[in-house]
Amino acid sequence: MRRSNSERIDDVIRQFMRINGIETPYNQYRLIQAWPIVMGPLIQSYTANIFIKNQTLHVQITSPAVKQNLMMEHRALARKLNEYVGAQVIEDVRCY
């Protein structure tokens, strides 16, 4: 006998996370973990601290030249990181 109300497991998990309020923190965690993957090992080596506050990714960069390059493309970086995660987690990237 086949059930007529079957659902995909990823939809059920996503719905469970949304109901319990853990979808946003999980996506933020995934985005922070995606930083070295998306940016590469060179940029990661200049990254000292990274966190998300008010839909803005704050990144502490130790090299002024790298910081300037990242600041010029902050919107593209946000878009690239959101695409990697598959959700709209951040709106902007701030480097300091």
PDB file of N, CA and C in Angstrom:
ATOM      1  N   MET A   1       0.840  -1.173   0.000  1.00  0.00           N
ATOM      2  CA  MET A   1       0.000   0.000   0.000  1.00  0.00           C
ATOM      3  C   MET A   1       0.889   1.242   0.000  1.00  0.00           C
ATOM      4  N   ARG A   2       0.572   2.176  -0.845  1.00  0.00           N
ATOM      5  CA  ARG A   2       1.375   3.375  -1.000  1.00  0.00           C
ATOM      6  C   ARG A   2       0.681   4.555  -0.323  1.00  0.00           C
ATOM      7  N   ARG A   3       1.467   5.362   0.387  1.00  0.00           N
ATOM      8  CA  ARG A   3       0.920   6.541   1.044  1.00  0.00           C
ATOM      9  C   ARG A   3       0.780   7.671   0.030  1.00  0.00           C
ATOM     10  N   SER A   4      -0.273   8.408   0.149  1.00  0.00           N
ATOM     11  CA  SER A   4      -0.511   9.490  -0.796  1.00  0.00           C
ATOM     12  C   SER A   4       0.068  10.821  -0.328  1.00  0.00           C
ATOM     13  N   ASN A   5       0.430  10.920   0.925  1.00  0.00           N
ATOM     14  CA  ASN A   5       0.940  12.189   1.446  1.00  0.00           C
ATOM     15  C   ASN A   5       2.449  12.127   1.708  1.00  0.00           C
ATOM     16  N   SER A   6       3.177  11.525   0.822  1.00  0.00           N
ATOM     17  CA  SER A   6       4.620  11.419   1.005  1.00  0.00           C
ATOM     18  C   SER A   6       5.296  12.748   0.674  1.00  0.00           C
ATOM     19  N   GLU A   7       6.391  13.028   1.393  1.00  0.00           N
ATOM     20  CA  GLU A   7       7.158  14.251   1.202  1.00  0.00           C
ATOM     21  C   GLU A   7       8.634  13.901   1.129  1.00  0.00           C
ATOM     22  N   ARG A   8       9.383  14.764   0.487  1.00  0.00           N
ATOM     23  CA  ARG A   8      10.823  14.549   0.405  1.00  0.00           C
ATOM     24  C   ARG A   8      11.447  14.850   1.761  1.00  0.00           C
ATOM     25  N   ILE A   9      12.484  14.113   2.116  1.00  0.00           N
ATOM     26  CA  ILE A   9      13.094  14.244   3.437  1.00  0.00           C
ATOM     27  C   ILE A   9      13.728  15.619   3.631  1.00  0.00           C
ATOM     28  N   ASP A  10      14.332  16.193   2.583  1.00  0.00           N
ATOM     29  CA  ASP A  10      14.938  17.513   2.746  1.00  0.00           C
ATOM     30  C   ASP A  10      13.879  18.591   3.001  1.00  0.00           C
ATOM     31  N   ASP A  11      12.693  18.432   2.433  1.00  0.00           N
ATOM     32  CA  ASP A  11      11.605  19.372   2.708  1.00  0.00           C
ATOM     33  C   ASP A  11      11.115  19.247   4.142  1.00  0.00           C
ATOM     34  N   VAL A  12      11.050  18.033   4.628  1.00  0.00           N
ATOM     35  CA  VAL A  12      10.606  17.797   6.004  1.00  0.00           C
ATOM     36  C   VAL A  12      11.625  18.378   6.990  1.00  0.00           C
ATOM     37  N   ILE A  13      12.902  18.170   6.725  1.00  0.00           N
ATOM     38  CA  ILE A  13      13.947  18.702   7.610  1.00  0.00           C
ATOM     39  C   ILE A  13      13.939  20.222   7.589  1.00  0.00           C
ATOM     40  N   ARG A  14      13.818  20.829   6.415  1.00  0.00           N
ATOM     41  CA  ARG A  14      13.783  22.281   6.290  1.00  0.00           C
ATOM     42  C   ARG A  14      12.573  22.854   7.032  1.00  0.00           C
ATOM     43  N   GLN A  15      11.433  22.192   6.907  1.00  0.00           N
ATOM     44  CA  GLN A  15      10.227  22.643   7.606  1.00  0.00           C
ATOM     45  C   GLN A  15      10.404  22.522   9.122  1.00  0.00           C
ATOM     46  N   PHE A  16      11.006  21.436   9.570  1.00  0.00           N
ATOM     47  CA  PHE A  16      11.274  21.244  10.999  1.00  0.00           C
ATOM     48  C   PHE A  16      12.187  22.350  11.531  1.00  0.00           C
ATOM     49  N   MET A  17      13.238  22.669  10.768  1.00  0.00           N
ATOM     50  CA  MET A  17      14.175  23.711  11.187  1.00  0.00           C
ATOM     51  C   MET A  17      13.495  25.075  11.226  1.00  0.00           C
ATOM     52  N   ARG A  18      12.647  25.361  10.265  1.00  0.00           N
ATOM     53  CA  ARG A  18      11.943  26.640  10.219  1.00  0.00           C
ATOM     54  C   ARG A  18      10.988  26.770  11.397  1.00  0.00           C
ATOM     55  N   ILE A  19      10.247  25.716  11.698  1.00  0.00           N
ATOM     56  CA  ILE A  19       9.281  25.746  12.802  1.00  0.00           C
ATOM     57  C   ILE A  19       9.988  25.956  14.137  1.00  0.00           C
ATOM     58  N   ASN A  20      11.140  25.329  14.321  1.00  0.00           N
ATOM     59  CA  ASN A  20      11.871  25.413  15.582  1.00  0.00           C
ATOM     60  C   ASN A  20      12.845  26.591  15.648  1.00  0.00           C
ATOM     61  N   GLY A  21      12.891  27.422  14.615  1.00  0.00           N
ATOM     62  CA  GLY A  21      13.706  28.628  14.641  1.00  0.00           C
ATOM     63  C   GLY A  21      15.192  28.410  14.517  1.00  0.00           C
ATOM     64  N   ILE A  22      15.597  27.317  13.903  1.00  0.00           N
ATOM     65  CA  ILE A  22      17.039  27.066  13.764  1.00  0.00           C
ATOM     66  C   ILE A  22      17.512  27.141  12.318  1.00  0.00           C
ATOM     67  N   GLU A  23      16.634  27.505  11.407  1.00  0.00           N
ATOM     68  CA  GLU A  23      17.041  27.589  10.005  1.00  0.00           C
ATOM     69  C   GLU A  23      18.003  28.757   9.779  1.00  0.00           C
ATOM     70  N   THR A  24      17.708  29.932  10.306  1.00  0.00           N
ATOM     71  CA  THR A  24      18.567  31.100  10.114  1.00  0.00           C
ATOM     72  C   THR A  24      19.934  30.919  10.764  1.00  0.00           C
ATOM     73  N   PRO A  25      20.017  30.495  12.026  1.00  0.00           N
ATOM     74  CA  PRO A  25      21.342  30.279  12.607  1.00  0.00           C
ATOM     75  C   PRO A  25      22.154  29.213  11.858  1.00  0.00           C
ATOM     76  N   TYR A  26      21.480  28.194  11.380  1.00  0.00           N
ATOM     77  CA  TYR A  26      22.170  27.151  10.627  1.00  0.00           C
ATOM     78  C   TYR A  26      22.712  27.710   9.310  1.00  0.00           C
ATOM     79  N   ASN A  27      21.912  28.506   8.606  1.00  0.00           N
ATOM     80  CA  ASN A  27      22.378  29.112   7.362  1.00  0.00           C
ATOM     81  C   ASN A  27      23.527  30.092   7.608  1.00  0.00           C
ATOM     82  N   GLN A  28      23.488  30.825   8.726  1.00  0.00           N
ATOM     83  CA  GLN A  28      24.591  31.723   9.064  1.00  0.00           C
ATOM     84  C   GLN A  28      25.865  30.934   9.332  1.00  0.00           C
ATOM     85  N   TYR A  29      25.738  29.834  10.037  1.00  0.00           N
ATOM     86  CA  TYR A  29      26.892  28.974  10.296  1.00  0.00           C
ATOM     87  C   TYR A  29      27.470  28.438   8.986  1.00  0.00           C
ATOM     88  N   ARG A  30      26.588  27.997   8.090  1.00  0.00           N
ATOM     89  CA  ARG A  30      27.048  27.481   6.794  1.00  0.00           C
ATOM     90  C   ARG A  30      27.741  28.558   5.979  1.00  0.00           C
ATOM     91  N   LEU A  31      27.252  29.790   6.050  1.00  0.00           N
ATOM     92  CA  LEU A  31      27.868  30.878   5.296  1.00  0.00           C
ATOM     93  C   LEU A  31      29.258  31.193   5.837  1.00  0.00           C
ATOM     94  N   ILE A  32      29.415  31.227   7.146  1.00  0.00           N
ATOM     95  CA  ILE A  32      30.734  31.477   7.731  1.00  0.00           C
ATOM     96  C   ILE A  32      31.693  30.355   7.369  1.00  0.00           C
ATOM     97  N   GLN A  33      31.214  29.120   7.368  1.00  0.00           N
ATOM     98  CA  GLN A  33      32.055  27.993   6.980  1.00  0.00           C
ATOM     99  C   GLN A  33      32.387  28.023   5.490  1.00  0.00           C
ATOM    100  N   ALA A  34      31.563  28.694   4.692  1.00  0.00           N
ATOM    101  CA  ALA A  34      31.788  28.778   3.249  1.00  0.00           C
ATOM    102  C   ALA A  34      32.841  29.821   2.890  1.00  0.00           C
ATOM    103  N   TRP A  35      33.150  30.746   3.790  1.00  0.00           N
ATOM    104  CA  TRP A  35      34.105  31.819   3.489  1.00  0.00           C
ATOM    105  C   TRP A  35      35.429  31.287   2.936  1.00  0.00           C
ATOM    106  N   PRO A  36      36.111  30.352   3.602  1.00  0.00           N
ATOM    107  CA  PRO A  36      37.393  29.880   3.042  1.00  0.00           C
ATOM    108  C   PRO A  36      37.226  29.104   1.735  1.00  0.00           C
ATOM    109  N   ILE A  37      36.099  28.461   1.558  1.00  0.00           N
ATOM    110  CA  ILE A  37      35.875  27.694   0.336  1.00  0.00           C
ATOM    111  C   ILE A  37      35.648  28.631  -0.850  1.00  0.00           C
ATOM    112  N   VAL A  38      34.815  29.642  -0.651  1.00  0.00           N
ATOM    113  CA  VAL A  38      34.482  30.580  -1.729  1.00  0.00           C
ATOM    114  C   VAL A  38      35.657  31.518  -2.013  1.00  0.00           C
ATOM    115  N   MET A  39      36.323  31.990  -0.976  1.00  0.00           N
ATOM    116  CA  MET A  39      37.377  32.983  -1.148  1.00  0.00           C
ATOM    117  C   MET A  39      38.741  32.368  -1.455  1.00  0.00           C
ATOM    118  N   GLY A  40      38.948  31.147  -1.049  1.00  0.00           N
ATOM    119  CA  GLY A  40      40.221  30.484  -1.322  1.00  0.00           C
ATOM    120  C   GLY A  40      41.194  30.615  -0.159  1.00  0.00           C
ATOM    121  N   PRO A  41      42.258  29.829  -0.203  1.00  0.00           N
ATOM    122  CA  PRO A  41      43.201  29.799   0.918  1.00  0.00           C
ATOM    123  C   PRO A  41      44.010  31.087   1.095  1.00  0.00           C
ATOM    124  N   LEU A  42      44.263  31.820   0.026  1.00  0.00           N
ATOM    125  CA  LEU A  42      45.034  33.058   0.146  1.00  0.00           C
ATOM    126  C   LEU A  42      44.277  34.099   0.957  1.00  0.00           C
ATOM    127  N   ILE A  43      43.016  34.338   0.613  1.00  0.00           N
ATOM    128  CA  ILE A  43      42.192  35.308   1.359  1.00  0.00           C
ATOM    129  C   ILE A  43      41.968  34.803   2.781  1.00  0.00           C
ATOM    130  N   GLN A  44      41.769  33.510   2.931  1.00  0.00           N
ATOM    131  CA  GLN A  44      41.559  32.942   4.268  1.00  0.00           C
ATOM    132  C   GLN A  44      42.776  33.188   5.159  1.00  0.00           C
ATOM    133  N   SER A  45      43.965  33.176   4.585  1.00  0.00           N
ATOM    134  CA  SER A  45      45.169  33.396   5.390  1.00  0.00           C
ATOM    135  C   SER A  45      45.236  34.823   5.936  1.00  0.00           C
ATOM    136  N   TYR A  46      44.544  35.780   5.309  1.00  0.00           N
ATOM    137  CA  TYR A  46      44.499  37.162   5.788  1.00  0.00           C
ATOM    138  C   TYR A  46      43.258  37.450   6.623  1.00  0.00           C
ATOM    139  N   THR A  47      42.409  36.468   6.836  1.00  0.00           N
ATOM    140  CA  THR A  47      41.179  36.641   7.610  1.00  0.00           C
ATOM    141  C   THR A  47      41.458  36.339   9.074  1.00  0.00           C
ATOM    142  N   ALA A  48      41.159  37.320   9.942  1.00  0.00           N
ATOM    143  CA  ALA A  48      41.415  37.141  11.368  1.00  0.00           C
ATOM    144  C   ALA A  48      40.134  36.812  12.136  1.00  0.00           C
ATOM    145  N   ASN A  49      39.043  37.473  11.813  1.00  0.00           N
ATOM    146  CA  ASN A  49      37.797  37.283  12.543  1.00  0.00           C
ATOM    147  C   ASN A  49      36.636  37.448  11.566  1.00  0.00           C
ATOM    148  N   ILE A  50      35.577  36.674  11.772  1.00  0.00           N
ATOM    149  CA  ILE A  50      34.424  36.743  10.873  1.00  0.00           C
ATOM    150  C   ILE A  50      33.159  36.430  11.676  1.00  0.00           C
ATOM    151  N   PHE A  51      32.137  37.289  11.499  1.00  0.00           N
ATOM    152  CA  PHE A  51      30.855  37.061  12.159  1.00  0.00           C
ATOM    153  C   PHE A  51      29.749  37.761  11.376  1.00  0.00           C
ATOM    154  N   ILE A  52      28.500  37.404  11.672  1.00  0.00           N
ATOM    155  CA  ILE A  52      27.337  37.990  11.018  1.00  0.00           C
ATOM    156  C   ILE A  52      26.514  38.734  12.059  1.00  0.00           C
ATOM    157  N   LYS A  53      26.153  39.975  11.711  1.00  0.00           N
ATOM    158  CA  LYS A  53      25.293  40.774  12.580  1.00  0.00           C
ATOM    159  C   LYS A  53      24.388  41.622  11.698  1.00  0.00           C
ATOM    160  N   ASN A  54      23.098  41.554  11.930  1.00  0.00           N
ATOM    161  CA  ASN A  54      22.102  42.324  11.174  1.00  0.00           C
ATOM    162  C   ASN A  54      22.231  42.107   9.670  1.00  0.00           C
ATOM    163  N   GLN A  55      22.324  40.886   9.247  1.00  0.00           N
ATOM    164  CA  GLN A  55      22.419  40.480   7.848  1.00  0.00           C
ATOM    165  C   GLN A  55      23.630  41.085   7.138  1.00  0.00           C
ATOM    166  N   THR A  56      24.673  41.383   7.896  1.00  0.00           N
ATOM    167  CA  THR A  56      25.919  41.881   7.338  1.00  0.00           C
ATOM    168  C   THR A  56      27.046  40.982   7.819  1.00  0.00           C
ATOM    169  N   LEU A  57      27.859  40.525   6.888  1.00  0.00           N
ATOM    170  CA  LEU A  57      29.024  39.718   7.227  1.00  0.00           C
ATOM    171  C   LEU A  57      30.173  40.667   7.541  1.00  0.00           C
ATOM    172  N   HIS A  58      30.692  40.583   8.752  1.00  0.00           N
ATOM    173  CA  HIS A  58      31.818  41.413   9.184  1.00  0.00           C
ATOM    174  C   HIS A  58      33.073  40.550   9.143  1.00  0.00           C
ATOM    175  N   VAL A  59      34.081  41.037   8.423  1.00  0.00           N
ATOM    176  CA  VAL A  59      35.316  40.279   8.245  1.00  0.00           C
ATOM    177  C   VAL A  59      36.490  41.165   8.612  1.00  0.00           C
ATOM    178  N   GLN A  60      37.330  40.677   9.516  1.00  0.00           N
ATOM    179  CA  GLN A  60      38.556  41.389   9.862  1.00  0.00           C
ATOM    180  C   GLN A  60      39.677  40.864   8.984  1.00  0.00           C
ATOM    181  N   ILE A  61      40.266  41.755   8.194  1.00  0.00           N
ATOM    182  CA  ILE A  61      41.327  41.407   7.256  1.00  0.00           C
ATOM    183  C   ILE A  61      42.626  42.041   7.745  1.00  0.00           C
ATOM    184  N   THR A  62      43.705  41.276   7.741  1.00  0.00           N
ATOM    185  CA  THR A  62      44.978  41.759   8.266  1.00  0.00           C
ATOM    186  C   THR A  62      45.835  42.474   7.231  1.00  0.00           C
ATOM    187  N   SER A  63      45.499  42.394   5.970  1.00  0.00           N
ATOM    188  CA  SER A  63      46.271  43.057   4.917  1.00  0.00           C
ATOM    189  C   SER A  63      45.464  44.222   4.337  1.00  0.00           C
ATOM    190  N   PRO A  64      46.022  45.440   4.352  1.00  0.00           N
ATOM    191  CA  PRO A  64      45.290  46.582   3.799  1.00  0.00           C
ATOM    192  C   PRO A  64      44.977  46.439   2.307  1.00  0.00           C
ATOM    193  N   ALA A  65      45.869  45.856   1.543  1.00  0.00           N
ATOM    194  CA  ALA A  65      45.640  45.698   0.106  1.00  0.00           C
ATOM    195  C   ALA A  65      44.497  44.716  -0.160  1.00  0.00           C
ATOM    196  N   VAL A  66      44.484  43.611   0.544  1.00  0.00           N
ATOM    197  CA  VAL A  66      43.412  42.623   0.389  1.00  0.00           C
ATOM    198  C   VAL A  66      42.090  43.223   0.847  1.00  0.00           C
ATOM    199  N   LYS A  67      42.134  43.964   1.948  1.00  0.00           N
ATOM    200  CA  LYS A  67      40.931  44.608   2.468  1.00  0.00           C
ATOM    201  C   LYS A  67      40.343  45.564   1.428  1.00  0.00           C
ATOM    202  N   GLN A  68      41.173  46.367   0.795  1.00  0.00           N
ATOM    203  CA  GLN A  68      40.699  47.315  -0.213  1.00  0.00           C
ATOM    204  C   GLN A  68      40.055  46.594  -1.393  1.00  0.00           C
ATOM    205  N   ASN A  69      40.667  45.514  -1.852  1.00  0.00           N
ATOM    206  CA  ASN A  69      40.102  44.749  -2.964  1.00  0.00           C
ATOM    207  C   ASN A  69      38.753  44.137  -2.600  1.00  0.00           C
ATOM    208  N   LEU A  70      38.636  43.617  -1.394  1.00  0.00           N
ATOM    209  CA  LEU A  70      37.378  43.010  -0.963  1.00  0.00           C
ATOM    210  C   LEU A  70      36.286  44.066  -0.789  1.00  0.00           C
ATOM    211  N   MET A  71      36.669  45.246  -0.298  1.00  0.00           N
ATOM    212  CA  MET A  71      35.682  46.304  -0.096  1.00  0.00           C
ATOM    213  C   MET A  71      35.110  46.789  -1.427  1.00  0.00           C
ATOM    214  N   MET A  72      35.906  46.752  -2.480  1.00  0.00           N
ATOM    215  CA  MET A  72      35.427  47.205  -3.780  1.00  0.00           C
ATOM    216  C   MET A  72      34.384  46.252  -4.363  1.00  0.00           C
ATOM    217  N   GLU A  73      34.411  44.989  -3.950  1.00  0.00           N
ATOM    218  CA  GLU A  73      33.482  44.001  -4.489  1.00  0.00           C
ATOM    219  C   GLU A  73      32.583  43.404  -3.412  1.00  0.00           C
ATOM    220  N   HIS A  74      32.212  44.198  -2.420  1.00  0.00           N
ATOM    221  CA  HIS A  74      31.457  43.679  -1.284  1.00  0.00           C
ATOM    222  C   HIS A  74      30.087  43.127  -1.684  1.00  0.00           C
ATOM    223  N   ARG A  75      29.386  43.752  -2.613  1.00  0.00           N
ATOM    224  CA  ARG A  75      28.063  43.249  -3.031  1.00  0.00           C
ATOM    225  C   ARG A  75      28.191  41.933  -3.790  1.00  0.00           C
ATOM    226  N   ALA A  76      29.197  41.824  -4.653  1.00  0.00           N
ATOM    227  CA  ALA A  76      29.418  40.585  -5.402  1.00  0.00           C
ATOM    228  C   ALA A  76      29.802  39.450  -4.456  1.00  0.00           C
ATOM    229  N   LEU A  77      30.569  39.763  -3.413  1.00  0.00           N
ATOM    230  CA  LEU A  77      30.939  38.745  -2.426  1.00  0.00           C
ATOM    231  C   LEU A  77      29.698  38.234  -1.691  1.00  0.00           C
ATOM    232  N   ALA A  78      28.823  39.151  -1.306  1.00  0.00           N
ATOM    233  CA  ALA A  78      27.587  38.747  -0.613  1.00  0.00           C
ATOM    234  C   ALA A  78      26.756  37.844  -1.508  1.00  0.00           C
ATOM    235  N   ARG A  79      26.630  38.211  -2.763  1.00  0.00           N
ATOM    236  CA  ARG A  79      25.851  37.406  -3.704  1.00  0.00           C
ATOM    237  C   ARG A  79      26.478  36.026  -3.885  1.00  0.00           C
ATOM    238  N   LYS A  80      27.798  35.975  -4.006  1.00  0.00           N
ATOM    239  CA  LYS A  80      28.503  34.710  -4.212  1.00  0.00           C
ATOM    240  C   LYS A  80      28.343  33.788  -2.995  1.00  0.00           C
ATOM    241  N   LEU A  81      28.463  34.345  -1.801  1.00  0.00           N
ATOM    242  CA  LEU A  81      28.315  33.540  -0.589  1.00  0.00           C
ATOM    243  C   LEU A  81      26.880  33.050  -0.417  1.00  0.00           C
ATOM    244  N   ASN A  82      25.908  33.911  -0.699  1.00  0.00           N
ATOM    245  CA  ASN A  82      24.507  33.499  -0.611  1.00  0.00           C
ATOM    246  C   ASN A  82      24.200  32.390  -1.605  1.00  0.00           C
ATOM    247  N   GLU A  83      24.744  32.485  -2.805  1.00  0.00           N
ATOM    248  CA  GLU A  83      24.528  31.433  -3.805  1.00  0.00           C
ATOM    249  C   GLU A  83      25.124  30.114  -3.343  1.00  0.00           C
ATOM    250  N   TYR A  84      26.288  30.169  -2.714  1.00  0.00           N
ATOM    251  CA  TYR A  84      26.924  28.939  -2.236  1.00  0.00           C
ATOM    252  C   TYR A  84      26.071  28.255  -1.172  1.00  0.00           C
ATOM    253  N   VAL A  85      25.506  29.059  -0.273  1.00  0.00           N
ATOM    254  CA  VAL A  85      24.674  28.515   0.806  1.00  0.00           C
ATOM    255  C   VAL A  85      23.300  28.112   0.280  1.00  0.00           C
ATOM    256  N   GLY A  86      22.805  28.815  -0.724  1.00  0.00           N
ATOM    257  CA  GLY A  86      21.500  28.510  -1.278  1.00  0.00           C
ATOM    258  C   GLY A  86      20.367  29.220  -0.575  1.00  0.00           C
ATOM    259  N   ALA A  87      20.687  30.304   0.121  1.00  0.00           N
ATOM    260  CA  ALA A  87      19.668  31.079   0.830  1.00  0.00           C
ATOM    261  C   ALA A  87      20.141  32.524   0.938  1.00  0.00           C
ATOM    262  N   GLN A  88      19.200  33.435   1.126  1.00  0.00           N
ATOM    263  CA  GLN A  88      19.526  34.849   1.304  1.00  0.00           C
ATOM    264  C   GLN A  88      19.838  35.078   2.779  1.00  0.00           C
ATOM    265  N   VAL A  89      21.117  34.949   3.139  1.00  0.00           N
ATOM    266  CA  VAL A  89      21.545  35.051   4.531  1.00  0.00           C
ATOM    267  C   VAL A  89      22.058  36.454   4.838  1.00  0.00           C
ATOM    268  N   ILE A  90      22.872  37.013   3.946  1.00  0.00           N
ATOM    269  CA  ILE A  90      23.460  38.332   4.172  1.00  0.00           C
ATOM    270  C   ILE A  90      23.104  39.265   3.018  1.00  0.00           C
ATOM    271  N   GLU A  91      23.172  40.556   3.313  1.00  0.00           N
ATOM    272  CA  GLU A  91      22.937  41.563   2.290  1.00  0.00           C
ATOM    273  C   GLU A  91      24.211  42.292   1.909  1.00  0.00           C
ATOM    274  N   ASP A  92      25.196  42.302   2.802  1.00  0.00           N
ATOM    275  CA  ASP A  92      26.407  43.072   2.572  1.00  0.00           C
ATOM    276  C   ASP A  92      27.592  42.406   3.272  1.00  0.00           C
ATOM    277  N   VAL A  93      28.790  42.789   2.846  1.00  0.00           N
ATOM    278  CA  VAL A  93      30.029  42.336   3.469  1.00  0.00           C
ATOM    279  C   VAL A  93      30.807  43.584   3.858  1.00  0.00           C
ATOM    280  N   ARG A  94      31.212  43.673   5.124  1.00  0.00           N
ATOM    281  CA  ARG A  94      32.011  44.789   5.613  1.00  0.00           C
ATOM    282  C   ARG A  94      33.373  44.263   6.025  1.00  0.00           C
ATOM    283  N   CYS A  95      34.401  44.894   5.526  1.00  0.00           N
ATOM    284  CA  CYS A  95      35.769  44.516   5.886  1.00  0.00           C
ATOM    285  C   CYS A  95      36.373  45.605   6.759  1.00  0.00           C
ATOM    286  N   TYR A  96      37.043  45.206   7.781  1.00  0.00           N
ATOM    287  CA  TYR A  96      37.726  46.160   8.655  1.00  0.00           C
ATOM    288  C   TYR A  96      39.043  45.584   9.117  1.00  0.00           C
TER     289      TYR A  96
END
